[in-house]
Amino acid sequence: MFANILVSQPSCAVLSSGFTRGLCRRGQSTLPYDPAMSVPQLKHRNLPLLLLQAREGIFSRFRPLLNAVGLTEQQWRVVRALLDHGPLEPRQIGEICCLSSPSLAGILARMDDMGLVRRERLEHDQRRVMVAVTEKGQSLAAELAPRIEQTYAELEAQVGQDFARELYKMLDELQTRLS
């Protein structure tokens, strides 16, 4: 009933030879494959997965830099958003950084404890909070900046400056068209 075949994808090779547990993550695993269960009505490539794989390919270059200074990806996204936009309300940070409100609450609490951000209630509306990068957060970003910029330069050297410029343009246009 199940055929043993090699399934190849750009980011994952899966050897299927019977029932086993586990999924492939940049390695090999054995999984059952039944050609009769294929889904021919899906004609488009999996765009969300392609974007996620591209994101991982890019961010894997930045992750070691952040880990070296004790920052998570989410914390760095918050720092960058605050550096780029100035003080923001948590709702705005969540929208910019694609973080859910419950996740963001924990992230901001840890960042506050680390001294990277400060949260202050608005005088005219005590229900609202503004979040800003502290001096310590700015110093950390300044420390990271040369290595971050070097990583961007290496990426551009690999894919080409014209391609990178066009990619930024296309991503901006995609966001505009989807909003």
N, C-alpha and C. Protein backbone atom coordinates (compact mmCIF):
# COMPACT_ATOMS: atom_id res chain seq x y z
N MET A 1 0.82 -1.19 0.00
CA MET A 1 0.00 0.00 0.00
C MET A 1 0.86 1.25 0.00
N PHE A 2 1.94 1.31 0.79
CA PHE A 2 2.80 2.49 0.83
C PHE A 2 4.04 2.21 -0.01
N ALA A 3 4.45 3.19 -0.74
CA ALA A 3 5.65 3.07 -1.55
C ALA A 3 6.81 3.73 -0.82
N ASN A 4 8.00 3.18 -1.00
CA ASN A 4 9.18 3.79 -0.42
C ASN A 4 9.85 4.60 -1.51
N ILE A 5 9.81 5.93 -1.33
CA ILE A 5 10.41 6.79 -2.35
C ILE A 5 11.17 7.90 -1.66
N LEU A 6 12.04 8.53 -2.41
CA LEU A 6 12.77 9.69 -1.92
C LEU A 6 12.00 10.93 -2.33
N VAL A 7 11.61 11.72 -1.36
CA VAL A 7 10.90 12.96 -1.61
C VAL A 7 11.89 14.09 -1.43
N SER A 8 12.11 14.88 -2.47
CA SER A 8 13.08 15.96 -2.38
C SER A 8 12.38 17.30 -2.43
N GLN A 9 12.78 18.18 -1.56
CA GLN A 9 12.32 19.56 -1.54
C GLN A 9 13.56 20.41 -1.37
N PRO A 10 13.48 21.69 -1.74
CA PRO A 10 14.68 22.52 -1.65
C PRO A 10 15.32 22.51 -0.27
N SER A 11 14.54 22.44 0.80
CA SER A 11 15.12 22.55 2.12
C SER A 11 15.11 21.24 2.90
N CYS A 12 14.65 20.14 2.29
CA CYS A 12 14.49 18.94 3.10
C CYS A 12 14.45 17.71 2.22
N ALA A 13 15.25 16.70 2.54
CA ALA A 13 15.18 15.41 1.86
C ALA A 13 14.59 14.41 2.83
N VAL A 14 13.53 13.73 2.43
CA VAL A 14 12.84 12.79 3.31
C VAL A 14 12.86 11.42 2.66
N LEU A 15 13.39 10.42 3.33
CA LEU A 15 13.37 9.05 2.83
C LEU A 15 12.18 8.36 3.45
N SER A 16 11.23 7.94 2.61
CA SER A 16 10.00 7.32 3.12
C SER A 16 10.09 5.82 2.96
N SER A 17 10.06 5.11 4.09
CA SER A 17 10.14 3.65 4.03
C SER A 17 9.39 3.00 5.18
N GLY A 18 8.11 3.31 5.30
CA GLY A 18 7.31 2.69 6.35
C GLY A 18 6.85 3.70 7.38
N PHE A 19 6.20 3.18 8.42
CA PHE A 19 5.65 4.05 9.47
C PHE A 19 6.71 4.34 10.52
N THR A 20 7.03 5.59 10.68
CA THR A 20 7.93 6.02 11.76
C THR A 20 7.42 7.34 12.29
N ARG A 21 7.98 7.73 13.40
CA ARG A 21 7.60 9.01 13.99
C ARG A 21 8.59 10.07 13.57
N GLY A 22 8.14 11.34 13.65
CA GLY A 22 9.05 12.46 13.44
C GLY A 22 8.92 13.06 12.07
N LEU A 23 9.32 14.31 12.00
CA LEU A 23 9.33 15.05 10.74
C LEU A 23 10.75 15.50 10.46
N CYS A 24 11.02 15.78 9.23
CA CYS A 24 12.34 16.21 8.81
C CYS A 24 12.56 17.68 9.11
N ARG A 25 13.70 18.00 9.63
CA ARG A 25 14.13 19.39 9.76
C ARG A 25 15.59 19.40 9.34
N ARG A 26 15.80 19.74 8.10
CA ARG A 26 17.15 19.80 7.53
C ARG A 26 17.91 18.50 7.76
N GLY A 27 17.25 17.41 7.61
CA GLY A 27 17.89 16.11 7.76
C GLY A 27 17.06 15.07 7.06
N GLN A 28 17.15 13.84 7.53
CA GLN A 28 16.37 12.78 6.93
C GLN A 28 15.56 12.06 7.99
N SER A 29 14.39 11.60 7.58
CA SER A 29 13.52 10.83 8.44
C SER A 29 12.73 9.90 7.55
N THR A 30 12.29 8.81 8.08
CA THR A 30 11.49 7.89 7.29
C THR A 30 10.02 8.11 7.60
N LEU A 31 9.24 8.31 6.56
CA LEU A 31 7.81 8.55 6.68
C LEU A 31 7.08 7.74 5.62
N PRO A 32 5.86 7.28 5.90
CA PRO A 32 5.10 6.57 4.87
C PRO A 32 4.64 7.53 3.78
N TYR A 33 4.60 7.05 2.56
CA TYR A 33 4.11 7.86 1.45
C TYR A 33 3.15 7.01 0.64
N ASP A 34 1.95 7.49 0.46
CA ASP A 34 0.95 6.81 -0.35
C ASP A 34 0.60 7.72 -1.51
N PRO A 35 1.05 7.36 -2.74
CA PRO A 35 0.80 8.22 -3.90
C PRO A 35 -0.69 8.48 -4.13
N ALA A 36 -1.55 7.56 -3.71
CA ALA A 36 -2.99 7.75 -3.90
C ALA A 36 -3.52 8.89 -3.04
N MET A 37 -2.77 9.29 -2.02
CA MET A 37 -3.21 10.36 -1.13
C MET A 37 -2.69 11.72 -1.57
N SER A 38 -2.06 11.81 -2.74
CA SER A 38 -1.57 13.10 -3.20
C SER A 38 -2.76 14.05 -3.41
N VAL A 39 -2.48 15.33 -3.37
CA VAL A 39 -3.54 16.34 -3.44
C VAL A 39 -3.34 17.16 -4.71
N PRO A 40 -3.86 16.68 -5.85
CA PRO A 40 -3.60 17.37 -7.12
C PRO A 40 -4.29 18.73 -7.25
N GLN A 41 -5.32 19.01 -6.44
CA GLN A 41 -6.01 20.28 -6.59
C GLN A 41 -5.18 21.46 -6.09
N LEU A 42 -4.07 21.22 -5.40
CA LEU A 42 -3.19 22.30 -4.95
C LEU A 42 -2.17 22.57 -6.06
N LYS A 43 -2.47 23.56 -6.88
CA LYS A 43 -1.64 23.84 -8.05
C LYS A 43 -0.55 24.87 -7.77
N HIS A 44 -0.77 25.73 -6.78
CA HIS A 44 0.22 26.76 -6.47
C HIS A 44 1.29 26.23 -5.52
N ARG A 45 2.48 26.76 -5.66
CA ARG A 45 3.52 26.44 -4.69
C ARG A 45 3.11 27.02 -3.34
N ASN A 46 3.65 26.47 -2.28
CA ASN A 46 3.29 26.86 -0.93
C ASN A 46 4.01 28.16 -0.56
N LEU A 47 3.40 29.29 -0.93
CA LEU A 47 4.02 30.60 -0.71
C LEU A 47 4.33 30.88 0.75
N PRO A 48 3.40 30.62 1.69
CA PRO A 48 3.76 30.86 3.09
C PRO A 48 4.99 30.07 3.53
N LEU A 49 5.10 28.83 3.09
CA LEU A 49 6.25 28.01 3.45
C LEU A 49 7.52 28.55 2.79
N LEU A 50 7.43 28.95 1.53
CA LEU A 50 8.60 29.51 0.85
C LEU A 50 9.09 30.77 1.54
N LEU A 51 8.15 31.64 1.95
CA LEU A 51 8.54 32.86 2.66
C LEU A 51 9.17 32.53 4.02
N LEU A 52 8.61 31.54 4.70
CA LEU A 52 9.15 31.12 5.99
C LEU A 52 10.56 30.54 5.83
N GLN A 53 10.76 29.73 4.79
CA GLN A 53 12.08 29.15 4.54
C GLN A 53 13.10 30.23 4.17
N ALA A 54 12.66 31.22 3.38
CA ALA A 54 13.56 32.33 3.03
C ALA A 54 13.90 33.13 4.28
N ARG A 55 12.91 33.37 5.13
CA ARG A 55 13.14 34.10 6.38
C ARG A 55 14.16 33.36 7.22
N GLU A 56 14.01 32.04 7.34
CA GLU A 56 14.94 31.25 8.14
C GLU A 56 16.34 31.29 7.53
N GLY A 57 16.42 31.23 6.20
CA GLY A 57 17.72 31.30 5.54
C GLY A 57 18.43 32.62 5.82
N ILE A 58 17.67 33.68 5.91
CA ILE A 58 18.26 34.99 6.21
C ILE A 58 18.54 35.12 7.70
N PHE A 59 17.54 34.80 8.52
CA PHE A 59 17.70 35.05 9.95
C PHE A 59 18.73 34.13 10.60
N SER A 60 18.99 32.98 10.01
CA SER A 60 20.00 32.08 10.58
C SER A 60 21.38 32.74 10.61
N ARG A 61 21.57 33.76 9.80
CA ARG A 61 22.84 34.49 9.77
C ARG A 61 22.92 35.51 10.91
N PHE A 62 21.75 35.99 11.37
CA PHE A 62 21.72 37.00 12.42
C PHE A 62 21.60 36.37 13.82
N ARG A 63 21.00 35.20 13.90
CA ARG A 63 20.73 34.56 15.19
C ARG A 63 21.98 34.43 16.07
N PRO A 64 23.12 33.97 15.54
CA PRO A 64 24.31 33.86 16.40
C PRO A 64 24.76 35.20 16.99
N LEU A 65 24.58 36.28 16.24
CA LEU A 65 24.94 37.60 16.76
C LEU A 65 24.08 37.97 17.96
N LEU A 66 22.79 37.69 17.85
CA LEU A 66 21.86 38.00 18.94
C LEU A 66 22.10 37.10 20.14
N ASN A 67 22.29 35.81 19.88
CA ASN A 67 22.54 34.86 20.97
C ASN A 67 23.80 35.24 21.76
N ALA A 68 24.80 35.77 21.06
CA ALA A 68 26.06 36.13 21.72
C ALA A 68 25.87 37.24 22.76
N VAL A 69 24.84 38.07 22.57
CA VAL A 69 24.60 39.15 23.53
C VAL A 69 23.36 38.88 24.39
N GLY A 70 22.82 37.66 24.28
CA GLY A 70 21.71 37.27 25.14
C GLY A 70 20.34 37.76 24.72
N LEU A 71 20.17 38.07 23.43
CA LEU A 71 18.88 38.51 22.92
C LEU A 71 18.20 37.41 22.11
N THR A 72 16.88 37.36 22.22
CA THR A 72 16.10 36.47 21.36
C THR A 72 15.73 37.22 20.09
N GLU A 73 15.27 36.49 19.10
CA GLU A 73 14.82 37.12 17.85
C GLU A 73 13.70 38.12 18.12
N GLN A 74 12.75 37.72 18.97
CA GLN A 74 11.61 38.57 19.27
C GLN A 74 12.06 39.84 19.98
N GLN A 75 12.99 39.71 20.92
CA GLN A 75 13.50 40.89 21.62
C GLN A 75 14.20 41.83 20.65
N TRP A 76 14.95 41.29 19.71
CA TRP A 76 15.63 42.13 18.72
C TRP A 76 14.59 42.84 17.84
N ARG A 77 13.54 42.14 17.45
CA ARG A 77 12.49 42.78 16.64
C ARG A 77 11.89 43.96 17.39
N VAL A 78 11.68 43.81 18.70
CA VAL A 78 11.13 44.90 19.50
C VAL A 78 12.12 46.06 19.56
N VAL A 79 13.39 45.76 19.82
CA VAL A 79 14.40 46.82 19.87
C VAL A 79 14.45 47.56 18.54
N ARG A 80 14.50 46.81 17.43
CA ARG A 80 14.55 47.46 16.11
C ARG A 80 13.33 48.32 15.85
N ALA A 81 12.15 47.83 16.22
CA ALA A 81 10.92 48.61 16.01
C ALA A 81 10.99 49.91 16.79
N LEU A 82 11.44 49.83 18.04
CA LEU A 82 11.52 51.04 18.87
C LEU A 82 12.61 51.99 18.37
N LEU A 83 13.71 51.47 17.88
CA LEU A 83 14.76 52.32 17.31
C LEU A 83 14.28 52.98 16.03
N ASP A 84 13.53 52.24 15.22
CA ASP A 84 13.05 52.76 13.94
C ASP A 84 11.89 53.73 14.08
N HIS A 85 11.02 53.52 15.10
CA HIS A 85 9.78 54.29 15.20
C HIS A 85 9.70 55.17 16.43
N GLY A 86 10.60 55.01 17.39
CA GLY A 86 10.49 55.74 18.64
C GLY A 86 9.55 55.03 19.58
N PRO A 87 9.21 55.67 20.72
CA PRO A 87 8.32 55.03 21.70
C PRO A 87 6.98 54.63 21.07
N LEU A 88 6.51 53.44 21.45
CA LEU A 88 5.27 52.88 20.90
C LEU A 88 4.44 52.26 22.01
N GLU A 89 3.16 52.12 21.74
CA GLU A 89 2.30 51.36 22.63
C GLU A 89 2.48 49.87 22.31
N PRO A 90 2.25 49.00 23.29
CA PRO A 90 2.41 47.57 23.03
C PRO A 90 1.61 47.07 21.82
N ARG A 91 0.41 47.56 21.63
CA ARG A 91 -0.41 47.16 20.48
C ARG A 91 0.33 47.47 19.17
N GLN A 92 0.97 48.63 19.10
CA GLN A 92 1.70 49.01 17.89
C GLN A 92 2.93 48.13 17.70
N ILE A 93 3.62 47.83 18.79
CA ILE A 93 4.79 46.94 18.72
C ILE A 93 4.36 45.57 18.20
N GLY A 94 3.26 45.07 18.74
CA GLY A 94 2.75 43.77 18.29
C GLY A 94 2.45 43.74 16.81
N GLU A 95 1.84 44.81 16.30
CA GLU A 95 1.52 44.89 14.87
C GLU A 95 2.78 44.94 14.03
N ILE A 96 3.72 45.78 14.41
CA ILE A 96 4.96 45.93 13.64
C ILE A 96 5.78 44.66 13.67
N CYS A 97 5.88 44.03 14.85
CA CYS A 97 6.76 42.87 15.04
C CYS A 97 6.07 41.53 14.83
N CYS A 98 4.78 41.55 14.49
CA CYS A 98 4.02 40.32 14.29
C CYS A 98 4.09 39.42 15.53
N LEU A 99 3.78 40.01 16.67
CA LEU A 99 3.78 39.29 17.94
C LEU A 99 2.39 39.38 18.56
N SER A 100 1.91 38.26 19.09
CA SER A 100 0.61 38.27 19.75
C SER A 100 0.71 39.03 21.07
N SER A 101 -0.40 39.54 21.52
CA SER A 101 -0.44 40.32 22.76
C SER A 101 0.08 39.52 23.96
N PRO A 102 -0.36 38.26 24.15
CA PRO A 102 0.17 37.50 25.30
C PRO A 102 1.68 37.28 25.22
N SER A 103 2.19 36.98 24.02
CA SER A 103 3.64 36.79 23.87
C SER A 103 4.38 38.09 24.14
N LEU A 104 3.86 39.17 23.59
CA LEU A 104 4.51 40.47 23.74
C LEU A 104 4.56 40.89 25.21
N ALA A 105 3.52 40.61 25.97
CA ALA A 105 3.51 40.98 27.39
C ALA A 105 4.69 40.35 28.11
N GLY A 106 4.95 39.07 27.86
CA GLY A 106 6.08 38.40 28.49
C GLY A 106 7.42 38.92 27.98
N ILE A 107 7.50 39.17 26.69
CA ILE A 107 8.74 39.68 26.10
C ILE A 107 9.07 41.04 26.69
N LEU A 108 8.08 41.93 26.77
CA LEU A 108 8.33 43.27 27.32
C LEU A 108 8.70 43.21 28.80
N ALA A 109 8.06 42.31 29.55
CA ALA A 109 8.39 42.17 30.98
C ALA A 109 9.85 41.73 31.14
N ARG A 110 10.29 40.76 30.34
CA ARG A 110 11.68 40.30 30.43
C ARG A 110 12.65 41.40 29.98
N MET A 111 12.28 42.12 28.93
CA MET A 111 13.15 43.20 28.44
C MET A 111 13.23 44.33 29.46
N ASP A 112 12.14 44.59 30.15
CA ASP A 112 12.13 45.59 31.22
C ASP A 112 13.05 45.14 32.35
N ASP A 113 12.95 43.87 32.73
CA ASP A 113 13.82 43.31 33.77
C ASP A 113 15.30 43.38 33.36
N MET A 114 15.57 43.23 32.07
CA MET A 114 16.94 43.28 31.56
C MET A 114 17.44 44.72 31.44
N GLY A 115 16.54 45.67 31.57
CA GLY A 115 16.91 47.08 31.45
C GLY A 115 17.01 47.57 30.03
N LEU A 116 16.42 46.83 29.07
CA LEU A 116 16.51 47.21 27.66
C LEU A 116 15.40 48.16 27.23
N VAL A 117 14.26 48.07 27.89
CA VAL A 117 13.14 48.97 27.59
C VAL A 117 12.56 49.49 28.91
N ARG A 118 11.83 50.58 28.80
CA ARG A 118 11.07 51.06 29.96
C ARG A 118 9.64 51.28 29.50
N ARG A 119 8.73 50.97 30.41
CA ARG A 119 7.30 51.13 30.15
C ARG A 119 6.77 52.22 31.08
N GLU A 120 6.07 53.16 30.49
CA GLU A 120 5.51 54.25 31.29
C GLU A 120 4.06 54.45 30.92
N ARG A 121 3.23 54.64 31.94
CA ARG A 121 1.81 54.93 31.72
C ARG A 121 1.68 56.36 31.22
N LEU A 122 0.73 56.56 30.34
CA LEU A 122 0.45 57.92 29.85
C LEU A 122 -0.25 58.72 30.94
N GLU A 123 0.16 59.97 31.12
CA GLU A 123 -0.45 60.80 32.16
C GLU A 123 -1.94 61.01 31.93
N HIS A 124 -2.32 61.25 30.69
CA HIS A 124 -3.72 61.57 30.39
C HIS A 124 -4.62 60.33 30.32
N ASP A 125 -4.01 59.13 30.26
CA ASP A 125 -4.81 57.91 30.21
C ASP A 125 -3.99 56.78 30.84
N GLN A 126 -4.22 56.53 32.10
CA GLN A 126 -3.44 55.56 32.87
C GLN A 126 -3.61 54.12 32.37
N ARG A 127 -4.59 53.88 31.51
CA ARG A 127 -4.76 52.53 30.95
C ARG A 127 -3.74 52.25 29.86
N ARG A 128 -3.19 53.29 29.27
CA ARG A 128 -2.26 53.12 28.15
C ARG A 128 -0.82 53.23 28.61
N VAL A 129 0.04 52.47 27.92
CA VAL A 129 1.46 52.39 28.26
C VAL A 129 2.26 52.71 27.01
N MET A 130 3.35 53.44 27.19
CA MET A 130 4.31 53.67 26.11
C MET A 130 5.58 52.91 26.46
N VAL A 131 6.19 52.32 25.45
CA VAL A 131 7.42 51.55 25.62
C VAL A 131 8.52 52.26 24.84
N ALA A 132 9.67 52.42 25.47
CA ALA A 132 10.81 53.07 24.82
C ALA A 132 12.08 52.27 25.09
N VAL A 133 13.05 52.40 24.21
CA VAL A 133 14.35 51.77 24.41
C VAL A 133 15.11 52.58 25.44
N THR A 134 15.76 51.90 26.36
CA THR A 134 16.58 52.58 27.37
C THR A 134 17.97 52.86 26.79
N GLU A 135 18.77 53.57 27.57
CA GLU A 135 20.15 53.81 27.18
C GLU A 135 20.90 52.49 27.02
N LYS A 136 20.63 51.55 27.92
CA LYS A 136 21.27 50.23 27.83
C LYS A 136 20.87 49.52 26.54
N GLY A 137 19.59 49.60 26.17
CA GLY A 137 19.13 49.01 24.92
C GLY A 137 19.76 49.66 23.70
N GLN A 138 19.91 50.98 23.76
CA GLN A 138 20.56 51.70 22.65
C GLN A 138 22.03 51.32 22.55
N SER A 139 22.69 51.17 23.70
CA SER A 139 24.11 50.77 23.71
C SER A 139 24.28 49.37 23.13
N LEU A 140 23.37 48.48 23.48
CA LEU A 140 23.44 47.12 22.95
C LEU A 140 23.25 47.12 21.43
N ALA A 141 22.30 47.91 20.96
CA ALA A 141 22.08 48.02 19.51
C ALA A 141 23.30 48.62 18.83
N ALA A 142 23.91 49.62 19.46
CA ALA A 142 25.12 50.23 18.88
C ALA A 142 26.27 49.22 18.83
N GLU A 143 26.36 48.38 19.85
CA GLU A 143 27.38 47.33 19.88
C GLU A 143 27.16 46.32 18.76
N LEU A 144 25.89 45.98 18.52
CA LEU A 144 25.55 45.00 17.48
C LEU A 144 25.62 45.57 16.07
N ALA A 145 25.42 46.86 15.92
CA ALA A 145 25.27 47.48 14.60
C ALA A 145 26.37 47.11 13.60
N PRO A 146 27.65 47.19 13.95
CA PRO A 146 28.67 46.84 12.94
C PRO A 146 28.55 45.40 12.45
N ARG A 147 28.26 44.47 13.37
CA ARG A 147 28.14 43.06 12.97
C ARG A 147 26.86 42.82 12.17
N ILE A 148 25.79 43.51 12.54
CA ILE A 148 24.54 43.40 11.77
C ILE A 148 24.76 43.93 10.36
N GLU A 149 25.39 45.09 10.27
CA GLU A 149 25.64 45.68 8.94
C GLU A 149 26.58 44.81 8.11
N GLN A 150 27.57 44.19 8.77
CA GLN A 150 28.46 43.28 8.06
C GLN A 150 27.69 42.08 7.52
N THR A 151 26.74 41.58 8.29
CA THR A 151 25.92 40.45 7.85
C THR A 151 25.07 40.84 6.65
N TYR A 152 24.50 42.05 6.68
CA TYR A 152 23.75 42.53 5.52
C TYR A 152 24.67 42.64 4.30
N ALA A 153 25.88 43.13 4.48
CA ALA A 153 26.83 43.25 3.37
C ALA A 153 27.16 41.88 2.79
N GLU A 154 27.33 40.88 3.67
CA GLU A 154 27.62 39.52 3.20
C GLU A 154 26.43 38.94 2.43
N LEU A 155 25.22 39.19 2.92
CA LEU A 155 24.02 38.74 2.21
C LEU A 155 23.94 39.37 0.83
N GLU A 156 24.16 40.69 0.77
CA GLU A 156 24.11 41.38 -0.51
C GLU A 156 25.19 40.89 -1.45
N ALA A 157 26.37 40.58 -0.92
CA ALA A 157 27.44 40.04 -1.76
C ALA A 157 27.04 38.68 -2.32
N GLN A 158 26.33 37.90 -1.53
CA GLN A 158 25.92 36.57 -1.98
C GLN A 158 24.82 36.64 -3.03
N VAL A 159 23.80 37.46 -2.79
CA VAL A 159 22.66 37.49 -3.71
C VAL A 159 22.76 38.60 -4.74
N GLY A 160 23.63 39.57 -4.51
CA GLY A 160 23.78 40.69 -5.42
C GLY A 160 23.00 41.90 -4.93
N GLN A 161 23.61 43.08 -5.07
CA GLN A 161 22.96 44.30 -4.60
C GLN A 161 21.68 44.60 -5.36
N ASP A 162 21.69 44.37 -6.66
CA ASP A 162 20.47 44.63 -7.45
C ASP A 162 19.33 43.72 -7.01
N PHE A 163 19.64 42.44 -6.79
CA PHE A 163 18.61 41.51 -6.33
C PHE A 163 18.08 41.93 -4.96
N ALA A 164 18.98 42.30 -4.04
CA ALA A 164 18.56 42.72 -2.70
C ALA A 164 17.68 43.97 -2.78
N ARG A 165 18.08 44.94 -3.58
CA ARG A 165 17.29 46.17 -3.75
C ARG A 165 15.90 45.83 -4.30
N GLU A 166 15.86 44.96 -5.31
CA GLU A 166 14.59 44.56 -5.91
C GLU A 166 13.73 43.77 -4.91
N LEU A 167 14.37 42.94 -4.10
CA LEU A 167 13.64 42.17 -3.09
C LEU A 167 12.99 43.10 -2.07
N TYR A 168 13.74 44.08 -1.58
CA TYR A 168 13.15 45.07 -0.66
C TYR A 168 11.94 45.75 -1.31
N LYS A 169 12.11 46.14 -2.54
CA LYS A 169 11.04 46.83 -3.27
C LYS A 169 9.81 45.93 -3.42
N MET A 170 10.04 44.68 -3.78
CA MET A 170 8.93 43.74 -3.96
C MET A 170 8.23 43.43 -2.63
N LEU A 171 8.99 43.29 -1.55
CA LEU A 171 8.39 43.03 -0.25
C LEU A 171 7.57 44.22 0.22
N ASP A 172 8.08 45.43 0.00
CA ASP A 172 7.31 46.63 0.35
C ASP A 172 6.01 46.68 -0.45
N GLU A 173 6.11 46.37 -1.73
CA GLU A 173 4.93 46.39 -2.60
C GLU A 173 3.94 45.30 -2.18
N LEU A 174 4.43 44.13 -1.84
CA LEU A 174 3.56 43.04 -1.40
C LEU A 174 2.80 43.46 -0.14
N GLN A 175 3.50 44.05 0.82
CA GLN A 175 2.83 44.50 2.04
C GLN A 175 1.78 45.55 1.74
N THR A 176 2.10 46.46 0.84
CA THR A 176 1.14 47.51 0.46
C THR A 176 -0.10 46.90 -0.18
N ARG A 177 0.11 45.97 -1.09
CA ARG A 177 -1.02 45.36 -1.78
C ARG A 177 -1.87 44.48 -0.88
N LEU A 178 -1.26 43.90 0.15
CA LEU A 178 -2.00 43.02 1.05
C LEU A 178 -2.70 43.77 2.19
N SER A 179 -2.35 45.05 2.38
CA SER A 179 -2.99 45.78 3.47
C SER A 179 -4.23 46.51 3.05
